Amino acid sequence: FGPEVLIGIEVFFGAEEGLAESGVVRVVLPRAGKVFCTWRTTVGEESLTKRIGALSPAKQHELDIALALADGQWAAADTTR
């Protein structure tokens, strides 16, 4: 399989990030001729009432890469090549 068959990425979050329950952030990858129903939401600091977890630098990097891929910016996000 290659990148042409991938439609999305899941970044897993759970106990390592301080969460009581595990979950994922799903990010859809762009594909020519396809429109996926996805929404990207920004939550302002004033809406956050308490910290329930924190991302390690490695998990933050994983999320940053997924978001960059979704925006079609892999070359800018890939700092490991």
Foldseek 3Di string as FASTA:
>chain_A
DDPQPDFWDWQKDDVVFQAPDIDTDIATADDPPDDDDDDDDDDDPVNDDDDRGHDDPVSVLVVQCRVCRNVVNNVVSPPPD
